């Protein structure tokens, strides 16, 4: 049996590695990998604004074409998926530094009820996806007339009643 000496730096290194994993996932690193083939799904940051009569969702996804982006809405959940295929080879030369990320970007968010699904519109331009999600019009109260009561006129029925 060998003795090993405790080192606070060793403890900190393990803690640092765990913290990197936690904060890395939160701040936009890969969410999943597909078996080591290099395709990853990245977290897609969104801005969601309640504009009164509609919700507006914005996502910055530069470098994509509209046909690479899919937006769906089902059972209260808005989903955005963008697929960016990696270039297999550089046309000329070799990389000195490679920092651009390739892969899929995805995000699903639960929205409040009262959405007018048939009127949802998505627009894509200059790397910015904007989704307009109209709310259903709030029902307005309807005044219901009241008949009868103590102050209503009584009509006589019988021989002496007026016609």
C-alpha atoms as a PDB file:
ATOM      1  CA  UNK A   1       0.000   0.000   0.000  1.00  0.00           C
ATOM      2  CA  UNK A   2       1.358   3.363  -0.933  1.00  0.00           C
ATOM      3  CA  UNK A   3       0.658   6.599   0.804  1.00  0.00           C
ATOM      4  CA  UNK A   4      -0.424   9.569  -1.220  1.00  0.00           C
ATOM      5  CA  UNK A   5      -0.181  13.064   0.057  1.00  0.00           C
ATOM      6  CA  UNK A   6      -3.319  15.243   0.064  1.00  0.00           C
ATOM      7  CA  UNK A   7      -3.016  18.344  -2.038  1.00  0.00           C
ATOM      8  CA  UNK A   8      -5.512  21.210  -2.042  1.00  0.00           C
ATOM      9  CA  UNK A   9      -4.566  21.898  -5.665  1.00  0.00           C
ATOM     10  CA  UNK A  10      -5.678  18.393  -6.640  1.00  0.00           C
ATOM     11  CA  UNK A  11      -9.059  19.015  -5.002  1.00  0.00           C
ATOM     12  CA  UNK A  12      -9.381  22.358  -6.786  1.00  0.00           C
ATOM     13  CA  UNK A  13      -8.493  20.826 -10.156  1.00  0.00           C
ATOM     14  CA  UNK A  14     -11.325  18.311  -9.806  1.00  0.00           C
ATOM     15  CA  UNK A  15     -13.752  21.023  -8.736  1.00  0.00           C
ATOM     16  CA  UNK A  16     -12.639  23.281 -11.592  1.00  0.00           C
ATOM     17  CA  UNK A  17     -13.288  20.511 -14.130  1.00  0.00           C
ATOM     18  CA  UNK A  18     -16.788  19.887 -12.754  1.00  0.00           C
ATOM     19  CA  UNK A  19     -17.579  23.617 -12.794  1.00  0.00           C
ATOM     20  CA  UNK A  20     -16.384  23.874 -16.400  1.00  0.00           C
ATOM     21  CA  UNK A  21     -18.838  21.148 -17.387  1.00  0.00           C
ATOM     22  CA  UNK A  22     -21.753  22.786 -15.532  1.00  0.00           C
ATOM     23  CA  UNK A  23     -21.153  26.311 -16.821  1.00  0.00           C
ATOM     24  CA  UNK A  24     -20.128  25.094 -20.268  1.00  0.00           C
ATOM     25  CA  UNK A  25     -23.506  23.430 -20.776  1.00  0.00           C
ATOM     26  CA  UNK A  26     -25.342  26.483 -19.457  1.00  0.00           C
ATOM     27  CA  UNK A  27     -23.507  29.039 -21.576  1.00  0.00           C
ATOM     28  CA  UNK A  28     -23.856  27.486 -24.974  1.00  0.00           C
ATOM     29  CA  UNK A  29     -21.610  24.522 -25.507  1.00  0.00           C
ATOM     30  CA  UNK A  30     -22.802  21.310 -27.043  1.00  0.00           C
ATOM     31  CA  UNK A  31     -25.991  19.792 -25.682  1.00  0.00           C
ATOM     32  CA  UNK A  32     -25.592  16.358 -27.290  1.00  0.00           C
ATOM     33  CA  UNK A  33     -23.263  14.462 -29.556  1.00  0.00           C
ATOM     34  CA  UNK A  34     -24.303  11.784 -32.010  1.00  0.00           C
ATOM     35  CA  UNK A  35     -21.919   8.970 -31.203  1.00  0.00           C
ATOM     36  CA  UNK A  36     -18.658  10.799 -31.824  1.00  0.00           C
ATOM     37  CA  UNK A  37     -19.272  11.604 -35.485  1.00  0.00           C
ATOM     38  CA  UNK A  38     -18.733  15.291 -34.797  1.00  0.00           C
ATOM     39  CA  UNK A  39     -22.295  16.515 -35.314  1.00  0.00           C
ATOM     40  CA  UNK A  40     -23.506  18.311 -32.245  1.00  0.00           C
ATOM     41  CA  UNK A  41     -26.648  20.088 -31.176  1.00  0.00           C
ATOM     42  CA  UNK A  42     -25.920  23.515 -29.736  1.00  0.00           C
ATOM     43  CA  UNK A  43     -28.085  25.605 -27.426  1.00  0.00           C
ATOM     44  CA  UNK A  44     -29.892  28.386 -29.353  1.00  0.00           C
ATOM     45  CA  UNK A  45     -30.319  31.573 -27.291  1.00  0.00           C
ATOM     46  CA  UNK A  46     -33.655  33.379 -27.746  1.00  0.00           C
ATOM     47  CA  UNK A  47     -35.286  36.701 -26.944  1.00  0.00           C
ATOM     48  CA  UNK A  48     -39.024  36.440 -26.199  1.00  0.00           C
ATOM     49  CA  UNK A  49     -41.091  39.626 -25.942  1.00  0.00           C
ATOM     50  CA  UNK A  50     -44.737  39.992 -24.949  1.00  0.00           C
ATOM     51  CA  UNK A  51     -45.883  42.713 -27.363  1.00  0.00           C
ATOM     52  CA  UNK A  52     -49.457  42.879 -26.064  1.00  0.00           C
ATOM     53  CA  UNK A  53     -51.417  41.232 -28.865  1.00  0.00           C
ATOM     54  CA  UNK A  54     -48.601  38.834 -29.828  1.00  0.00           C
ATOM     55  CA  UNK A  55     -45.399  37.209 -28.637  1.00  0.00           C
ATOM     56  CA  UNK A  56     -42.243  37.889 -30.614  1.00  0.00           C
ATOM     57  CA  UNK A  57     -39.409  35.357 -30.567  1.00  0.00           C
ATOM     58  CA  UNK A  58     -35.984  36.284 -31.977  1.00  0.00           C
ATOM     59  CA  UNK A  59     -32.994  34.016 -32.533  1.00  0.00           C
ATOM     60  CA  UNK A  60     -29.658  35.001 -34.046  1.00  0.00           C
ATOM     61  CA  UNK A  61     -28.469  32.223 -36.345  1.00  0.00           C
ATOM     62  CA  UNK A  62     -25.965  33.808 -38.738  1.00  0.00           C
ATOM     63  CA  UNK A  63     -24.554  31.817 -41.616  1.00  0.00           C
ATOM     64  CA  UNK A  64     -27.787  29.896 -42.217  1.00  0.00           C
ATOM     65  CA  UNK A  65     -30.195  29.949 -45.132  1.00  0.00           C
ATOM     66  CA  UNK A  66     -33.973  29.957 -44.597  1.00  0.00           C
ATOM     67  CA  UNK A  67     -34.181  26.395 -45.950  1.00  0.00           C
ATOM     68  CA  UNK A  68     -31.765  25.244 -43.198  1.00  0.00           C
ATOM     69  CA  UNK A  69     -34.146  26.443 -40.448  1.00  0.00           C
ATOM     70  CA  UNK A  70     -37.310  24.685 -39.256  1.00  0.00           C
ATOM     71  CA  UNK A  71     -39.887  26.263 -36.934  1.00  0.00           C
ATOM     72  CA  UNK A  72     -42.755  24.209 -35.464  1.00  0.00           C
ATOM     73  CA  UNK A  73     -45.490  24.843 -32.909  1.00  0.00           C
ATOM     74  CA  UNK A  74     -47.338  21.994 -31.242  1.00  0.00           C
ATOM     75  CA  UNK A  75     -49.288  21.745 -27.991  1.00  0.00           C
ATOM     76  CA  UNK A  76     -47.982  25.055 -26.653  1.00  0.00           C
ATOM     77  CA  UNK A  77     -44.320  24.402 -27.501  1.00  0.00           C
ATOM     78  CA  UNK A  78     -42.399  26.462 -30.066  1.00  0.00           C
ATOM     79  CA  UNK A  79     -39.405  24.559 -31.488  1.00  0.00           C
ATOM     80  CA  UNK A  80     -36.621  25.969 -33.650  1.00  0.00           C
ATOM     81  CA  UNK A  81     -34.062  23.715 -35.340  1.00  0.00           C
ATOM     82  CA  UNK A  82     -31.252  24.871 -37.625  1.00  0.00           C
ATOM     83  CA  UNK A  83     -28.842  22.514 -39.350  1.00  0.00           C
ATOM     84  CA  UNK A  84     -25.465  23.732 -40.537  1.00  0.00           C
ATOM     85  CA  UNK A  85     -23.419  21.166 -42.384  1.00  0.00           C
ATOM     86  CA  UNK A  86     -19.661  21.206 -41.856  1.00  0.00           C
ATOM     87  CA  UNK A  87     -17.440  21.741 -44.844  1.00  0.00           C
ATOM     88  CA  UNK A  88     -15.539  18.512 -45.418  1.00  0.00           C
ATOM     89  CA  UNK A  89     -12.420  20.093 -46.857  1.00  0.00           C
ATOM     90  CA  UNK A  90     -10.942  23.490 -47.163  1.00  0.00           C
ATOM     91  CA  UNK A  91     -10.764  24.488 -50.816  1.00  0.00           C
ATOM     92  CA  UNK A  92      -7.258  25.793 -50.439  1.00  0.00           C
ATOM     93  CA  UNK A  93      -4.705  25.610 -47.664  1.00  0.00           C
ATOM     94  CA  UNK A  94      -4.865  24.226 -44.164  1.00  0.00           C
ATOM     95  CA  UNK A  95      -6.371  25.671 -40.996  1.00  0.00           C
ATOM     96  CA  UNK A  96      -4.143  27.641 -38.661  1.00  0.00           C
ATOM     97  CA  UNK A  97      -7.025  28.136 -36.259  1.00  0.00           C
ATOM     98  CA  UNK A  98     -10.542  26.690 -36.409  1.00  0.00           C
ATOM     99  CA  UNK A  99     -13.136  28.200 -34.081  1.00  0.00           C
ATOM    100  CA  UNK A 100     -16.334  28.234 -36.118  1.00  0.00           C
ATOM    101  CA  UNK A 101     -18.828  25.722 -34.803  1.00  0.00           C
ATOM    102  CA  UNK A 102     -20.819  23.518 -37.129  1.00  0.00           C
ATOM    103  CA  UNK A 103     -23.729  21.317 -36.324  1.00  0.00           C
ATOM    104  CA  UNK A 104     -27.337  21.696 -35.304  1.00  0.00           C
ATOM    105  CA  UNK A 105     -28.801  24.486 -33.216  1.00  0.00           C
ATOM    106  CA  UNK A 106     -32.040  23.792 -31.389  1.00  0.00           C
ATOM    107  CA  UNK A 107     -34.371  25.257 -28.825  1.00  0.00           C
ATOM    108  CA  UNK A 108     -37.882  24.478 -27.606  1.00  0.00           C
ATOM    109  CA  UNK A 109     -39.858  26.768 -25.312  1.00  0.00           C
ATOM    110  CA  UNK A 110     -43.255  26.418 -23.680  1.00  0.00           C
ATOM    111  CA  UNK A 111     -45.482  29.412 -24.395  1.00  0.00           C
ATOM    112  CA  UNK A 112     -48.574  30.511 -22.447  1.00  0.00           C
ATOM    113  CA  UNK A 113     -51.993  29.438 -23.717  1.00  0.00           C
ATOM    114  CA  UNK A 114     -54.272  31.480 -25.915  1.00  0.00           C
ATOM    115  CA  UNK A 115     -52.137  31.297 -29.077  1.00  0.00           C
ATOM    116  CA  UNK A 116     -53.713  31.771 -32.503  1.00  0.00           C
ATOM    117  CA  UNK A 117     -51.825  28.891 -34.166  1.00  0.00           C
ATOM    118  CA  UNK A 118     -53.098  29.529 -37.693  1.00  0.00           C
ATOM    119  CA  UNK A 119     -51.627  33.063 -37.707  1.00  0.00           C
ATOM    120  CA  UNK A 120     -48.022  32.287 -36.613  1.00  0.00           C
ATOM    121  CA  UNK A 121     -45.476  33.781 -39.027  1.00  0.00           C
ATOM    122  CA  UNK A 122     -41.699  33.383 -39.280  1.00  0.00           C
ATOM    123  CA  UNK A 123     -39.272  35.667 -41.090  1.00  0.00           C
ATOM    124  CA  UNK A 124     -35.558  35.180 -41.676  1.00  0.00           C
ATOM    125  CA  UNK A 125     -33.130  37.856 -42.806  1.00  0.00           C
ATOM    126  CA  UNK A 126     -29.541  38.915 -42.117  1.00  0.00           C
ATOM    127  CA  UNK A 127     -29.009  35.947 -39.804  1.00  0.00           C
ATOM    128  CA  UNK A 128     -31.974  36.844 -37.565  1.00  0.00           C
ATOM    129  CA  UNK A 129     -35.053  34.636 -37.235  1.00  0.00           C
ATOM    130  CA  UNK A 130     -38.181  36.456 -36.021  1.00  0.00           C
ATOM    131  CA  UNK A 131     -41.322  34.497 -35.159  1.00  0.00           C
ATOM    132  CA  UNK A 132     -44.574  36.419 -34.576  1.00  0.00           C
ATOM    133  CA  UNK A 133     -47.042  34.446 -32.464  1.00  0.00           C
ATOM    134  CA  UNK A 134     -50.410  36.223 -32.251  1.00  0.00           C
ATOM    135  CA  UNK A 135     -52.533  35.809 -29.157  1.00  0.00           C
ATOM    136  CA  UNK A 136     -56.198  34.954 -29.434  1.00  0.00           C
ATOM    137  CA  UNK A 137     -58.458  37.923 -28.834  1.00  0.00           C
ATOM    138  CA  UNK A 138     -59.652  38.037 -25.249  1.00  0.00           C
ATOM    139  CA  UNK A 139     -63.371  37.329 -25.012  1.00  0.00           C
ATOM    140  CA  UNK A 140     -65.379  40.463 -24.317  1.00  0.00           C
ATOM    141  CA  UNK A 141     -68.206  40.403 -21.799  1.00  0.00           C
ATOM    142  CA  UNK A 142     -71.674  40.192 -23.299  1.00  0.00           C
ATOM    143  CA  UNK A 143     -74.521  42.051 -21.623  1.00  0.00           C
ATOM    144  CA  UNK A 144     -77.479  39.768 -21.093  1.00  0.00           C
ATOM    145  CA  UNK A 145     -80.919  41.373 -20.846  1.00  0.00           C
ATOM    146  CA  UNK A 146     -82.987  40.421 -17.834  1.00  0.00           C
ATOM    147  CA  UNK A 147     -86.704  39.821 -18.169  1.00  0.00           C
ATOM    148  CA  UNK A 148     -89.422  39.652 -15.508  1.00  0.00           C
ATOM    149  CA  UNK A 149     -89.049  40.872 -11.975  1.00  0.00           C
ATOM    150  CA  UNK A 150     -91.021  43.063  -9.548  1.00  0.00           C
ATOM    151  CA  UNK A 151     -91.258  46.107 -11.822  1.00  0.00           C
ATOM    152  CA  UNK A 152     -92.588  44.389 -14.922  1.00  0.00           C
ATOM    153  CA  UNK A 153     -96.146  45.007 -16.102  1.00  0.00           C
ATOM    154  CA  UNK A 154     -98.741  42.407 -15.348  1.00  0.00           C
ATOM    155  CA  UNK A 155    -101.171  41.470 -18.091  1.00  0.00           C
ATOM    156  CA  UNK A 156    -104.619  40.372 -17.165  1.00  0.00           C
ATOM    157  CA  UNK A 157    -105.917  37.300 -18.821  1.00  0.00           C
ATOM    158  CA  UNK A 158    -109.603  36.634 -18.932  1.00  0.00           C
ATOM    159  CA  UNK A 159    -112.966  38.163 -19.851  1.00  0.00           C
ATOM    160  CA  UNK A 160    -112.205  41.730 -18.824  1.00  0.00           C
ATOM    161  CA  UNK A 161    -108.724  41.919 -20.423  1.00  0.00           C
ATOM    162  CA  UNK A 162    -108.094  44.353 -23.231  1.00  0.00           C
ATOM    163  CA  UNK A 163    -107.344  43.098 -26.669  1.00  0.00           C
END
